[in-house]
Amino acid sequence: MPNVSSTLPPAIEEKSPLGTAPRFFARRDKILLPLLAGVTIAALTISAELVSRVIFANSTSLLASCMILDDPATGPRAIPNSVCREKAPESGLIEYRFDSCGYRLGAGCRPKAPGAYRIVLVGSSGVLGEHVPTENTFATLLPEELSRRSDRKIDVYNEGIGWGFAATVSLRFPQVLAAQPDMILWVLSVGDIEGANLVIQASKEERQRQLSQNLRARTWMHLQRALGSESLDQAIPELFNRTRTAIALRHLLYQSQSLHVRAALAPAAPTAKYLTAQFDPDSQQHLREFDRDLAEVSAKAKAAGVPLVVTYTPSSVQAAMIATGDWPPQFDPYKLDRELQDIVQRHHATFLDILPGYRSIPDPDKGYFPVDGHANSVGHATMANLLSDNLVRLLISTRPTPRRDSE
């Protein structure tokens, strides 16, 4: 009987067993499949970044376009009678209109009305109301509420300015006194403590140049910066954190209060340093710098005979921790507040403690832009209410006693 295998055509003899690929295709797939996977990942990554840049867009115009940021004699200041618009990734397009004295209130350098009690606000971007329309800022909301509750005519003049940290408040104190304050209210945030010693910022031309660069140029710039101070395995996550995709992911994830708090309290998170029960040397140094600047401001206020009142507004994570009353033992959301209170009272100024008020506010972190960290319109309304609760007692206690005509 003839051998069947020897009679088969050569093409049939060389076929691979059922379910296996020919050796030629197996070698080719080792190259093509990883290449295809890489192209797919790259396409998805680029698409996610482009979509994120549309949804979380940044404007090319800047708040800094209306400001002088590199004057060591005055610190950051706005250009009088200037108008600029800015859109941050999480905000709408916001207009900043500065009056003839360079402040955002927009009513001009008006003199104090007869019989009015004027509160002059000082501080940085939170007091300015960055990313929030003027009419929604706590500086705008305060006068009507305080006037109603204290039965006095209250005038609030807002001299808060972007990047106006503690050293700048001291430098610009003559302008504060020129506004004829009956009270100076200094509203602090954690950024004011970190930046206590900063006066000169990047110039507006440099910030404009960075924004005007295309995606490839900005990516290369961020990569160079990351590699300049970090190893490659640290530089890659740092580079990703600067992408719009990372902002979009964090914005969505931080809608969950528990996830937001957990991420902020992670060991490597920069936001955790002022939430710990024991501050590190860097944080302690910043507090010493703030102490020095507050001593200068307090002495100037005392010499002018104007009461200085200081308060601290919490970060979004700090507010969430206070509202829930739950945090790991190595953290303390009240620690920084207590430290600031000690410093303020040591320099014979008045400290308004508004943090306990956040205990009764459900989900107070919704009052902040999740990634940016500034208070949004809801957060400004909350601050206006809490400040009113505390300020009204001071205003009533300082109200002059009506004179009685002698009979």
Protein backbone atom coordinates (compact mmCIF):
# COMPACT_ATOMS: atom_id res chain seq x y z
CA MET A 1 0.00 0.00 0.00
CA PRO A 2 1.54 3.38 -0.99
CA ASN A 3 2.72 5.81 1.69
CA VAL A 4 -0.02 8.45 1.93
CA SER A 5 2.21 11.17 3.31
CA SER A 6 4.60 10.85 0.42
CA THR A 7 1.76 11.39 -2.06
CA LEU A 8 0.50 14.65 -0.46
CA PRO A 9 1.36 17.92 -2.24
CA PRO A 10 4.22 19.84 -0.66
CA ALA A 11 1.96 22.83 0.24
CA ILE A 12 -0.31 20.55 2.30
CA GLU A 13 2.62 18.82 3.97
CA GLU A 14 4.02 22.13 5.28
CA LYS A 15 0.75 23.37 6.83
CA SER A 16 0.95 23.96 10.55
CA PRO A 17 -1.17 21.86 12.92
CA LEU A 18 -4.71 23.08 13.55
CA GLY A 19 -4.85 26.12 15.91
CA THR A 20 -1.23 27.23 15.46
CA ALA A 21 0.18 30.02 13.29
CA PRO A 22 2.86 29.50 10.67
CA ARG A 23 6.35 30.22 11.91
CA PHE A 24 6.63 33.24 9.57
CA PHE A 25 3.52 34.92 11.06
CA ALA A 26 4.62 34.16 14.64
CA ARG A 27 7.90 36.05 14.07
CA ARG A 28 6.11 38.98 12.41
CA ASP A 29 3.53 39.24 15.21
CA LYS A 30 6.27 39.64 17.79
CA ILE A 31 7.03 42.95 16.10
CA LEU A 32 3.60 44.04 14.88
CA LEU A 33 1.51 43.35 17.98
CA PRO A 34 3.64 45.47 20.38
CA LEU A 35 3.87 48.16 17.72
CA LEU A 36 0.08 48.13 17.25
CA ALA A 37 -0.44 48.25 21.02
CA GLY A 38 1.97 51.19 21.31
CA VAL A 39 0.25 53.10 18.51
CA THR A 40 -3.17 52.44 20.09
CA ILE A 41 -2.02 53.63 23.53
CA ALA A 42 -0.42 56.72 21.98
CA ALA A 43 -3.59 57.51 20.03
CA LEU A 44 -5.78 57.12 23.11
CA THR A 45 -3.39 59.21 25.21
CA ILE A 46 -3.25 62.03 22.66
CA SER A 47 -7.02 61.91 22.16
CA ALA A 48 -7.63 62.07 25.93
CA GLU A 49 -5.29 65.05 26.23
CA LEU A 50 -6.90 66.91 23.32
CA VAL A 51 -10.42 66.31 24.67
CA SER A 52 -9.32 67.38 28.15
CA ARG A 53 -7.84 70.55 26.70
CA VAL A 54 -11.20 71.41 25.19
CA ILE A 55 -13.26 70.66 28.33
CA PHE A 56 -10.70 72.04 30.80
CA ALA A 57 -9.39 74.84 28.63
CA ASN A 58 -6.99 77.54 29.77
CA SER A 59 -7.28 81.05 28.35
CA THR A 60 -4.26 82.72 26.79
CA SER A 61 -5.21 85.93 28.60
CA LEU A 62 -4.14 86.13 32.24
CA LEU A 63 -4.89 87.92 35.48
CA ALA A 64 -1.14 88.59 35.48
CA SER A 65 -1.62 90.70 32.33
CA CYS A 66 -3.16 93.38 34.59
CA MET A 67 -0.39 93.20 37.16
CA ILE A 68 3.18 94.17 37.94
CA LEU A 69 4.66 91.11 39.61
CA ASP A 70 8.37 91.87 39.82
CA ASP A 71 8.61 95.15 41.75
CA PRO A 72 10.54 94.51 44.98
CA ALA A 73 9.49 97.89 46.42
CA THR A 74 5.76 97.16 46.43
CA GLY A 75 5.35 93.45 45.79
CA PRO A 76 2.66 92.35 43.30
CA ARG A 77 0.19 95.11 42.36
CA ALA A 78 -2.48 95.64 39.76
CA ILE A 79 -2.25 98.29 37.05
CA PRO A 80 -4.83 101.00 37.85
CA ASN A 81 -7.87 101.15 35.56
CA SER A 82 -6.92 97.89 33.84
CA VAL A 83 -9.25 95.10 32.73
CA CYS A 84 -8.29 91.51 31.91
CA ARG A 85 -9.98 88.15 31.61
CA GLU A 86 -8.80 84.70 32.59
CA LYS A 87 -10.18 81.19 32.36
CA ALA A 88 -8.62 78.51 34.55
CA PRO A 89 -9.21 74.84 33.62
CA GLU A 90 -12.02 74.46 36.20
CA SER A 91 -13.55 77.94 36.03
CA GLY A 92 -15.51 80.01 33.57
CA LEU A 93 -14.10 83.10 31.90
CA ILE A 94 -13.69 85.63 34.72
CA GLU A 95 -13.24 89.38 34.32
CA TYR A 96 -10.91 91.31 36.60
CA ARG A 97 -11.62 95.04 36.55
CA PHE A 98 -9.33 97.17 38.69
CA ASP A 99 -10.19 100.67 39.89
CA SER A 100 -8.04 103.79 39.80
CA CYS A 101 -6.21 102.65 42.94
CA GLY A 102 -5.51 99.18 41.49
CA TYR A 103 -8.06 97.17 43.46
CA ARG A 104 -10.83 94.89 42.24
CA LEU A 105 -13.76 96.47 44.06
CA GLY A 106 -14.43 98.49 40.92
CA ALA A 107 -16.04 101.53 42.58
CA GLY A 108 -13.00 103.78 42.29
CA CYS A 109 -10.86 105.14 45.11
CA ARG A 110 -13.92 106.38 46.89
CA PRO A 111 -13.68 108.13 50.24
CA LYS A 112 -15.39 106.63 53.22
CA ALA A 113 -19.04 107.63 53.42
CA PRO A 114 -19.98 109.83 56.41
CA GLY A 115 -20.98 107.69 59.37
CA ALA A 116 -19.81 104.46 57.74
CA TYR A 117 -17.59 101.90 59.44
CA ARG A 118 -14.96 100.85 56.90
CA ILE A 119 -13.32 97.43 56.91
CA VAL A 120 -10.28 97.19 54.63
CA LEU A 121 -9.58 93.64 53.47
CA VAL A 122 -6.00 92.54 52.82
CA GLY A 123 -4.63 89.24 51.62
CA SER A 124 -3.83 87.32 48.45
CA SER A 125 -5.81 85.56 45.71
CA GLY A 126 -8.54 84.22 48.00
CA VAL A 127 -9.36 87.78 49.11
CA LEU A 128 -9.16 89.05 45.53
CA GLY A 129 -11.67 86.34 44.59
CA GLU A 130 -9.60 84.59 41.93
CA HIS A 131 -11.69 82.50 39.48
CA VAL A 132 -14.95 83.97 40.89
CA PRO A 133 -17.10 86.83 39.49
CA THR A 134 -16.81 90.03 41.52
CA GLU A 135 -20.45 89.97 42.59
CA ASN A 136 -20.02 86.47 44.10
CA THR A 137 -16.95 87.16 46.22
CA PHE A 138 -17.23 87.33 50.01
CA ALA A 139 -15.86 90.90 49.81
CA THR A 140 -18.97 91.91 47.87
CA LEU A 141 -21.37 89.85 50.00
CA LEU A 142 -20.09 91.01 53.40
CA PRO A 143 -21.20 94.68 53.57
CA GLU A 144 -24.93 94.08 53.14
CA GLU A 145 -24.96 91.15 55.57
CA LEU A 146 -22.91 92.96 58.21
CA SER A 147 -24.95 96.16 57.87
CA ARG A 148 -28.18 94.23 58.34
CA ARG A 149 -27.00 92.22 61.32
CA SER A 150 -25.12 94.97 63.16
CA ASP A 151 -27.56 97.78 62.39
CA ARG A 152 -24.61 99.90 61.26
CA LYS A 153 -23.53 101.17 57.85
CA ILE A 154 -20.62 98.87 56.97
CA ASP A 155 -18.29 99.64 54.09
CA VAL A 156 -15.90 96.91 52.91
CA TYR A 157 -12.97 98.01 50.76
CA ASN A 158 -11.11 95.11 49.17
CA GLU A 159 -7.35 95.56 48.81
CA GLY A 160 -6.67 91.86 48.30
CA ILE A 161 -4.38 91.14 45.37
CA GLY A 162 -3.08 88.04 43.60
CA TRP A 163 0.22 86.84 45.10
CA GLY A 164 -0.20 89.44 47.87
CA PHE A 165 1.40 87.36 50.60
CA ALA A 166 2.47 88.53 54.04
CA ALA A 167 5.60 90.42 53.01
CA THR A 168 3.57 92.31 50.38
CA VAL A 169 0.89 93.26 52.93
CA SER A 170 3.63 94.86 55.02
CA LEU A 171 5.14 96.67 52.02
CA ARG A 172 1.77 98.06 50.90
CA PHE A 173 0.58 99.12 54.34
CA PRO A 174 0.60 102.87 53.48
CA GLN A 175 -2.07 102.14 50.85
CA VAL A 176 -4.11 100.32 53.49
CA LEU A 177 -4.04 103.34 55.78
CA ALA A 178 -4.84 105.69 52.88
CA ALA A 179 -8.23 103.95 52.59
CA GLN A 180 -9.18 105.27 56.07
CA PRO A 181 -9.92 101.91 57.73
CA ASP A 182 -11.80 101.54 60.98
CA MET A 183 -10.68 97.89 60.96
CA ILE A 184 -8.13 95.94 58.94
CA LEU A 185 -9.25 92.37 58.21
CA TRP A 186 -6.48 90.04 57.03
CA VAL A 187 -7.93 86.83 55.59
CA LEU A 188 -5.35 84.05 55.34
CA SER A 189 -5.16 80.73 53.54
CA VAL A 190 -2.48 78.05 53.55
CA GLY A 191 -0.91 79.68 50.47
CA ASP A 192 -0.24 82.83 52.51
CA ILE A 193 1.82 80.79 54.95
CA GLU A 194 3.78 78.94 52.28
CA GLY A 195 4.45 82.18 50.41
CA ALA A 196 5.01 84.38 53.48
CA ASN A 197 8.52 85.37 52.41
CA LEU A 198 7.81 85.83 48.69
CA VAL A 199 7.71 89.29 47.16
CA ILE A 200 8.87 89.02 43.53
CA GLN A 201 6.97 86.60 41.30
CA ALA A 202 7.54 85.56 37.68
CA SER A 203 6.93 88.54 35.41
CA LYS A 204 3.70 88.66 33.40
CA GLU A 205 5.80 88.44 30.20
CA GLU A 206 7.29 85.13 31.34
CA ARG A 207 3.88 83.72 32.31
CA GLN A 208 2.42 84.88 28.98
CA ARG A 209 5.32 83.26 27.12
CA GLN A 210 4.71 79.93 28.85
CA LEU A 211 1.01 79.97 27.96
CA SER A 212 1.66 80.96 24.34
CA GLN A 213 3.89 77.94 23.74
CA ASN A 214 2.36 75.03 21.85
CA LEU A 215 1.73 71.64 23.42
CA ARG A 216 5.04 70.16 22.27
CA ALA A 217 7.07 73.13 23.59
CA ARG A 218 5.31 73.11 26.98
CA THR A 219 5.74 69.33 27.28
CA TRP A 220 9.46 69.66 26.57
CA MET A 221 9.76 72.55 29.08
CA HIS A 222 8.03 70.55 31.83
CA LEU A 223 10.14 67.47 31.05
CA GLN A 224 13.35 69.50 31.32
CA ARG A 225 12.26 70.92 34.66
CA ALA A 226 11.27 67.52 35.99
CA LEU A 227 14.51 65.90 34.89
CA GLY A 228 16.50 68.80 36.28
CA SER A 229 15.55 67.95 39.85
CA GLU A 230 14.24 64.39 39.77
CA SER A 231 15.28 60.95 38.57
CA LEU A 232 13.56 59.54 35.48
CA ASP A 233 11.12 57.36 37.44
CA GLN A 234 10.03 60.47 39.38
CA ALA A 235 10.09 62.77 36.37
CA ILE A 236 7.54 60.77 34.34
CA PRO A 237 4.74 60.99 36.96
CA GLU A 238 5.61 64.66 37.49
CA LEU A 239 5.27 65.28 33.75
CA PHE A 240 1.92 63.46 33.64
CA ASN A 241 0.64 65.54 36.58
CA ARG A 242 1.12 68.66 34.45
CA THR A 243 -1.08 67.38 31.62
CA ARG A 244 -4.70 68.42 31.16
CA THR A 245 -5.65 64.73 31.27
CA ALA A 246 -4.35 64.53 34.84
CA ILE A 247 -6.39 67.61 35.77
CA ALA A 248 -9.51 66.07 34.24
CA LEU A 249 -9.00 62.77 36.08
CA ARG A 250 -8.38 64.47 39.43
CA HIS A 251 -11.35 66.78 38.92
CA LEU A 252 -13.64 63.78 38.39
CA LEU A 253 -12.15 61.64 41.17
CA TYR A 254 -12.18 64.50 43.70
CA GLN A 255 -15.95 64.74 43.39
CA SER A 256 -15.80 61.95 45.97
CA GLN A 257 -15.00 63.49 49.34
CA SER A 258 -13.40 60.30 50.68
CA LEU A 259 -11.14 59.88 47.62
CA HIS A 260 -10.13 63.52 47.74
CA VAL A 261 -9.19 63.36 51.42
CA ARG A 262 -7.34 60.07 50.96
CA ALA A 263 -5.31 61.47 48.04
CA ALA A 264 -4.48 64.68 49.91
CA LEU A 265 -3.25 62.80 52.98
CA ALA A 266 -1.01 60.41 51.05
CA PRO A 267 2.62 60.54 52.28
CA ALA A 268 3.94 62.13 49.07
CA ALA A 269 1.10 64.64 48.70
CA PRO A 270 2.32 68.26 49.09
CA THR A 271 -1.07 69.22 50.57
CA ALA A 272 -0.49 67.00 53.62
CA LYS A 273 2.31 69.04 55.21
CA TYR A 274 0.03 71.59 56.92
CA LEU A 275 -2.52 68.95 57.94
CA THR A 276 -0.15 66.88 60.05
CA ALA A 277 -0.19 66.87 63.85
CA GLN A 278 3.55 67.68 63.83
CA PHE A 279 4.92 70.17 61.29
CA ASP A 280 8.14 69.47 59.42
CA PRO A 281 11.10 71.93 59.55
CA ASP A 282 10.07 73.57 56.26
CA SER A 283 6.55 74.34 57.54
CA GLN A 284 7.95 75.65 60.82
CA GLN A 285 10.26 77.98 58.87
CA HIS A 286 7.31 79.36 56.91
CA LEU A 287 5.46 80.02 60.15
CA ARG A 288 8.48 81.91 61.51
CA GLU A 289 8.54 84.03 58.35
CA PHE A 290 4.84 84.79 58.73
CA ASP A 291 5.40 85.64 62.41
CA ARG A 292 8.01 88.22 61.40
CA ASP A 293 5.74 89.82 58.77
CA LEU A 294 2.74 89.86 61.09
CA ALA A 295 4.83 91.57 63.77
CA GLU A 296 5.59 94.38 61.29
CA VAL A 297 1.97 94.75 60.17
CA SER A 298 0.65 94.63 63.73
CA ALA A 299 3.11 97.30 64.88
CA LYS A 300 2.12 99.59 61.99
CA ALA A 301 -1.59 99.08 62.70
CA LYS A 302 -1.09 99.80 66.39
CA ALA A 303 0.87 102.98 65.61
CA ALA A 304 -1.99 104.12 63.37
CA GLY A 305 -4.59 103.28 66.02
CA VAL A 306 -6.44 100.83 63.74
CA PRO A 307 -7.50 97.39 65.06
CA LEU A 308 -6.03 94.46 63.16
CA VAL A 309 -8.20 91.36 62.86
CA VAL A 310 -6.84 88.13 61.36
CA THR A 311 -8.69 85.00 60.31
CA TYR A 312 -7.76 81.77 58.57
CA THR A 313 -9.85 80.03 55.89
CA PRO A 314 -9.31 76.27 55.47
CA SER A 315 -8.34 74.31 52.39
CA SER A 316 -10.98 72.07 50.81
CA VAL A 317 -9.54 68.90 52.37
CA GLN A 318 -9.17 70.61 55.74
CA ALA A 319 -12.82 71.72 55.61
CA ALA A 320 -13.90 68.18 54.70
CA MET A 321 -11.96 66.69 57.61
CA ILE A 322 -13.54 69.17 60.03
CA ALA A 323 -17.04 68.50 58.68
CA THR A 324 -16.72 64.72 59.00
CA GLY A 325 -14.78 64.80 62.27
CA ASP A 326 -12.73 61.86 61.02
CA TRP A 327 -8.99 61.76 60.27
CA PRO A 328 -5.97 59.50 60.94
CA PRO A 329 -4.16 60.07 64.26
CA GLN A 330 -1.05 61.52 62.60
CA PHE A 331 -3.11 64.41 61.20
CA ASP A 332 -4.86 67.38 62.80
CA PRO A 333 -6.92 69.83 60.68
CA TYR A 334 -6.90 72.37 63.54
CA LYS A 335 -3.12 72.44 64.06
CA LEU A 336 -2.32 75.31 61.67
CA ASP A 337 -5.30 77.31 62.93
CA ARG A 338 -4.04 77.03 66.53
CA GLU A 339 -0.50 77.99 65.52
CA LEU A 340 -1.75 81.10 63.72
CA GLN A 341 -3.97 82.04 66.64
CA ASP A 342 -0.97 81.92 68.99
CA ILE A 343 1.09 84.10 66.64
CA VAL A 344 -1.70 86.66 66.16
CA GLN A 345 -2.48 86.96 69.86
CA ARG A 346 1.21 87.20 70.73
CA HIS A 347 1.34 90.35 68.60
CA HIS A 348 -1.77 91.81 70.28
CA ALA A 349 -4.08 91.47 67.27
CA THR A 350 -7.53 89.85 67.23
CA PHE A 351 -7.97 86.35 65.81
CA LEU A 352 -11.34 85.23 64.42
CA ASP A 353 -11.59 81.44 64.52
CA ILE A 354 -14.09 80.43 61.83
CA LEU A 355 -12.98 76.80 61.44
CA PRO A 356 -15.50 75.38 63.98
CA GLY A 357 -18.27 76.72 61.75
CA TYR A 358 -17.38 74.15 59.08
CA ARG A 359 -18.53 71.33 61.40
CA SER A 360 -22.17 72.05 60.56
CA ILE A 361 -21.70 72.45 56.80
CA PRO A 362 -22.40 69.29 54.77
CA ASP A 363 -19.79 68.61 52.08
CA PRO A 364 -17.92 71.90 52.48
CA ASP A 365 -15.36 70.73 49.92
CA LYS A 366 -17.99 71.42 47.23
CA GLY A 367 -17.23 75.09 47.87
CA TYR A 368 -13.82 74.76 46.18
CA PHE A 369 -12.43 74.05 42.73
CA PRO A 370 -11.30 70.43 43.33
CA VAL A 371 -7.87 70.60 41.69
CA ASP A 372 -7.08 74.32 41.76
CA GLY A 373 -8.03 74.65 45.44
CA HIS A 374 -9.43 78.19 45.38
CA ALA A 375 -12.92 78.74 46.76
CA ASN A 376 -15.69 78.90 44.16
CA SER A 377 -18.87 81.01 44.42
CA VAL A 378 -20.41 78.54 46.91
CA GLY A 379 -17.28 78.69 49.05
CA HIS A 380 -17.27 82.49 49.02
CA ALA A 381 -20.89 82.54 50.19
CA THR A 382 -19.93 80.17 53.03
CA MET A 383 -17.01 82.39 54.04
CA ALA A 384 -19.25 85.47 53.97
CA ASN A 385 -21.70 83.79 56.36
CA LEU A 386 -19.03 82.55 58.76
CA LEU A 387 -17.17 85.87 58.76
CA SER A 388 -20.46 87.70 59.39
CA ASP A 389 -21.21 85.46 62.37
CA ASN A 390 -17.89 86.36 63.96
CA LEU A 391 -17.49 89.97 62.85
CA VAL A 392 -20.94 91.10 63.91
CA ARG A 393 -20.05 90.53 67.57
CA LEU A 394 -16.98 92.74 67.20
CA LEU A 395 -18.96 95.43 65.43
CA ILE A 396 -21.67 95.49 68.06
CA SER A 397 -19.12 95.62 70.88
CA THR A 398 -17.31 98.56 69.25
CA ARG A 399 -20.46 100.52 68.46
CA PRO A 400 -20.34 103.98 70.10
CA THR A 401 -22.74 104.50 72.97
CA PRO A 402 -25.39 107.05 71.95
CA ARG A 403 -25.03 110.34 73.77
CA ARG A 404 -27.94 111.54 75.88
CA ASP A 405 -28.86 115.18 75.78
CA SER A 406 -28.81 116.69 79.25
CA GLU A 407 -32.22 117.63 80.51
